Protein backbone atom coordinates (compact mmCIF):
# COMPACT_ATOMS: atom_id res chain seq x y z
CA MET A 1 -4.61 -19.47 19.21
CA PHE A 2 -2.77 -21.24 17.09
CA SER A 3 -3.71 -22.62 13.50
CA TRP A 4 -1.37 -23.93 10.67
CA GLU A 5 -4.49 -23.89 8.19
CA ALA A 6 -3.48 -20.48 6.79
CA VAL A 7 0.43 -22.35 5.87
CA ALA A 8 -1.00 -25.43 4.40
CA VAL A 9 1.23 -27.42 2.44
CA HIS A 10 -1.70 -27.72 -0.74
CA ILE A 11 -3.03 -24.12 -1.46
CA THR A 12 -5.44 -24.65 -4.13
CA THR A 13 -7.01 -20.82 -4.45
CA ASP A 14 -6.04 -17.86 -5.38
CA ASN A 15 -7.82 -16.33 -2.07
CA GLN A 16 -5.47 -18.87 -0.28
CA ARG A 17 -1.81 -17.60 -2.45
CA VAL A 18 -2.91 -14.05 -1.58
CA ARG A 19 -3.62 -15.14 2.08
CA VAL A 20 0.11 -16.69 2.42
CA PHE A 21 2.35 -13.89 -0.18
CA GLU A 22 0.91 -10.44 0.79
CA PRO A 23 2.07 -11.70 4.40
CA LEU A 24 4.99 -12.76 3.41
CA VAL A 25 6.01 -10.48 -0.21
CA PHE A 26 4.37 -7.98 -0.57
CA ALA A 27 3.44 -6.71 3.18
CA PRO A 28 7.11 -7.00 3.82
CA LEU A 29 8.10 -4.86 0.90
CA ARG A 30 5.47 -1.74 0.72
CA GLU A 31 5.87 -1.35 4.29
CA GLU A 32 9.56 -1.64 4.89
CA LEU A 33 10.08 0.44 1.68
CA PHE A 34 7.82 3.01 2.90
CA PHE A 35 8.23 2.95 6.95
CA ARG A 36 11.80 2.14 7.04
CA GLY A 37 12.90 3.47 3.58
CA LEU A 38 10.88 6.56 3.73
CA LEU A 39 9.73 7.55 6.56
CA PHE A 40 12.32 6.46 9.39
CA SER A 41 14.98 7.78 6.69
CA ALA A 42 14.16 11.15 6.70
CA LEU A 43 12.71 11.63 10.59
CA TRP A 44 16.11 10.56 10.75
CA ASN A 45 17.94 12.84 8.34
CA ARG A 46 15.28 15.88 9.45
CA LEU A 47 15.67 15.28 13.43
CA ARG A 48 18.74 13.93 14.07
CA SER A 49 17.34 12.20 16.73
CA LEU A 50 17.81 8.23 16.77
CA ARG A 51 15.00 7.75 19.60
CA SER A 52 12.60 10.63 18.57
CA SER A 53 13.19 9.32 15.03
CA VAL A 54 12.41 5.29 16.13
CA ILE A 55 9.34 6.24 18.54
CA LEU A 56 7.72 8.79 16.25
CA SER A 57 8.45 5.74 12.82
CA ASN A 58 6.46 2.93 14.54
CA ALA A 59 3.77 5.10 16.52
CA LEU A 60 3.19 5.81 13.14
CA PHE A 61 3.37 2.01 12.26
CA ALA A 62 1.02 1.25 15.24
CA ALA A 63 -1.21 3.34 13.55
CA ALA A 64 -1.40 1.89 10.59
CA HIS A 65 -1.99 -1.16 11.51
CA VAL A 66 -4.88 0.43 13.64
CA MET A 67 -6.38 0.54 10.44
CA ASN A 68 -7.02 -3.50 10.80
CA ALA A 69 -9.95 -2.86 13.09
CA ARG A 70 -12.44 -1.51 10.55
CA GLN A 71 -12.72 -5.16 10.27
CA LEU A 72 -13.25 -5.34 13.51
CA GLY A 73 -15.51 -8.54 14.33
CA SER A 74 -15.29 -9.98 11.37
CA VAL A 75 -11.65 -11.23 10.64
CA TYR A 76 -10.06 -9.61 13.37
CA SER A 77 -10.96 -10.20 17.42
CA ALA A 78 -10.62 -6.80 19.54
CA SER A 79 -7.44 -8.77 21.48
CA TYR A 80 -5.92 -10.01 18.05
CA LEU A 81 -6.42 -6.36 17.15
CA VAL A 82 -4.38 -4.64 20.38
CA TYR A 83 -1.59 -7.40 20.41
CA GLN A 84 -0.84 -6.64 15.85
CA VAL A 85 -0.58 -3.11 17.40
CA THR A 86 1.45 -3.92 20.34
CA SER A 87 3.35 -5.64 18.32
CA ALA A 88 3.81 -3.97 15.28
CA TRP A 89 5.18 -1.28 17.41
CA LEU A 90 7.68 -3.39 19.29
CA VAL A 91 8.81 -5.06 15.37
CA GLY A 92 9.11 -2.24 13.75
CA SER A 93 11.40 -0.71 16.20
CA LEU A 94 13.35 -3.07 15.93
CA LEU A 95 13.33 -2.85 11.76
CA SER A 96 13.94 0.60 12.22
CA LEU A 97 17.45 -0.03 14.61
CA ARG A 98 18.94 -2.78 12.41
CA VAL A 99 18.43 -1.06 9.29
CA ALA A 100 20.77 2.06 11.32
CA VAL A 101 23.15 -0.67 12.24
CA SER A 102 22.93 -2.33 8.80
CA ASP A 103 21.89 0.06 6.24
CA SER A 104 20.21 -2.34 4.66
CA LEU A 105 16.34 -2.82 3.63
CA LEU A 106 16.95 -6.05 2.61
CA GLU A 107 17.49 -7.11 6.51
CA CYS A 108 14.59 -5.56 7.32
CA VAL A 109 12.12 -7.11 4.32
CA LEU A 110 13.59 -10.44 5.30
CA LEU A 111 13.00 -10.05 9.63
CA HIS A 112 9.77 -8.61 8.67
CA ALA A 113 8.82 -11.95 6.21
CA VAL A 114 9.64 -14.38 9.05
CA ASN A 115 7.87 -12.44 12.06
CA ASN A 116 4.82 -12.12 9.65
CA SER A 117 5.43 -16.60 9.26
CA PHE A 118 5.13 -16.41 12.92
CA ALA A 119 2.25 -14.70 12.57
CA LEU A 120 0.40 -16.93 10.18
CA ALA A 121 0.13 -19.34 12.62
CA VAL A 122 -2.10 -17.17 14.74
CA SER A 123 -6.09 -16.85 14.75
CA THR A 124 -7.15 -13.47 14.25
CA GLN A 125 -10.41 -14.15 15.27
CA VAL A 126 -10.00 -16.01 18.64
CA ASP A 127 -9.35 -13.95 21.70
CA VAL A 128 -6.34 -13.46 22.80
CA ASP A 129 -6.23 -14.77 26.62
CA LEU A 130 -3.14 -13.56 28.62
CA ARG A 131 -5.15 -15.91 31.53
CA ASP A 132 -4.24 -19.15 29.08
CA PRO A 133 -0.57 -20.03 29.66
CA ILE A 134 0.64 -20.76 26.50
CA SER A 135 -0.77 -17.83 25.64
CA LEU A 136 0.79 -16.51 28.40
CA ILE A 137 3.85 -17.96 27.48
CA SER A 138 3.86 -16.89 23.74
CA VAL A 139 3.16 -13.53 24.33
CA THR A 140 5.36 -12.95 26.73
CA SER A 141 8.68 -15.29 24.86
CA ALA A 142 7.56 -12.97 21.98
CA VAL A 143 8.42 -9.62 23.34
CA LEU A 144 11.03 -10.54 25.76
CA LEU A 145 12.99 -11.40 22.38
CA TYR A 146 11.83 -8.65 20.49
CA THR A 147 12.96 -6.59 24.00
CA MET A 148 16.73 -8.11 23.64
CA ALA A 149 17.21 -7.61 20.15
CA ILE A 150 16.21 -3.93 20.41
CA TRP A 151 19.01 -3.56 23.20
CA LEU A 152 21.76 -5.80 21.50
CA SER A 153 20.80 -3.66 18.23
CA TRP A 154 21.24 -0.07 20.69
CA LYS A 155 24.35 -1.63 21.77
CA GLN A 156 25.34 -2.35 18.29
CA LEU A 157 24.97 1.26 17.49
CA ALA A 158 26.85 2.56 20.52
CA VAL A 159 29.93 0.30 20.20
CA SER A 160 29.99 1.33 16.12
CA LYS A 161 30.01 5.11 17.11
CA ARG A 162 32.61 4.40 19.63
CA HIS A 163 34.61 2.95 16.85
CA LEU A 164 34.18 5.63 13.92
CA GLU A 165 34.98 8.66 16.28
CA GLY A 166 37.98 6.58 17.31
CA LYS A 167 36.82 5.85 21.41
CA ASP A 168 37.21 2.18 20.77
CA PRO A 169 40.82 0.95 18.98
CA THR A 170 40.34 -2.11 19.74
CA LEU A 171 37.87 -2.96 16.94
């Protein structure tokens, strides 16, 4: 399931450079500007509901990753595609909350790039078989890590809101 060949130290062709720079630089910039900078912000301003804005914008973020289905079989296995779409919703939810907490797209671009750097090590063509202990531990760890980060971001927002409303003078 894991392969570091895409992140080889000696990148020799333009195609390999694109395979590294696209997920580490271009995709985080493009996707964060659109999905968090434009879409999430517009939904939050319009709906006035953080929860609804997170859910809607990241349903669209995950749906955008479904477009990889056109490369099913040649580039992506079906189970990898399911994993990618599910991860996109989870990671996107965290990134939306981080924008709400920090008011910074730069933080989201950097976190997105870090997430994608780990994704470079995952084979896109091998099935994600949760019966394999290494796959199960890897997927479970990622889900738990992002779930904890989402929960901590929600808590951070709640504390900030109480502080701004003057209900928590200790901060």
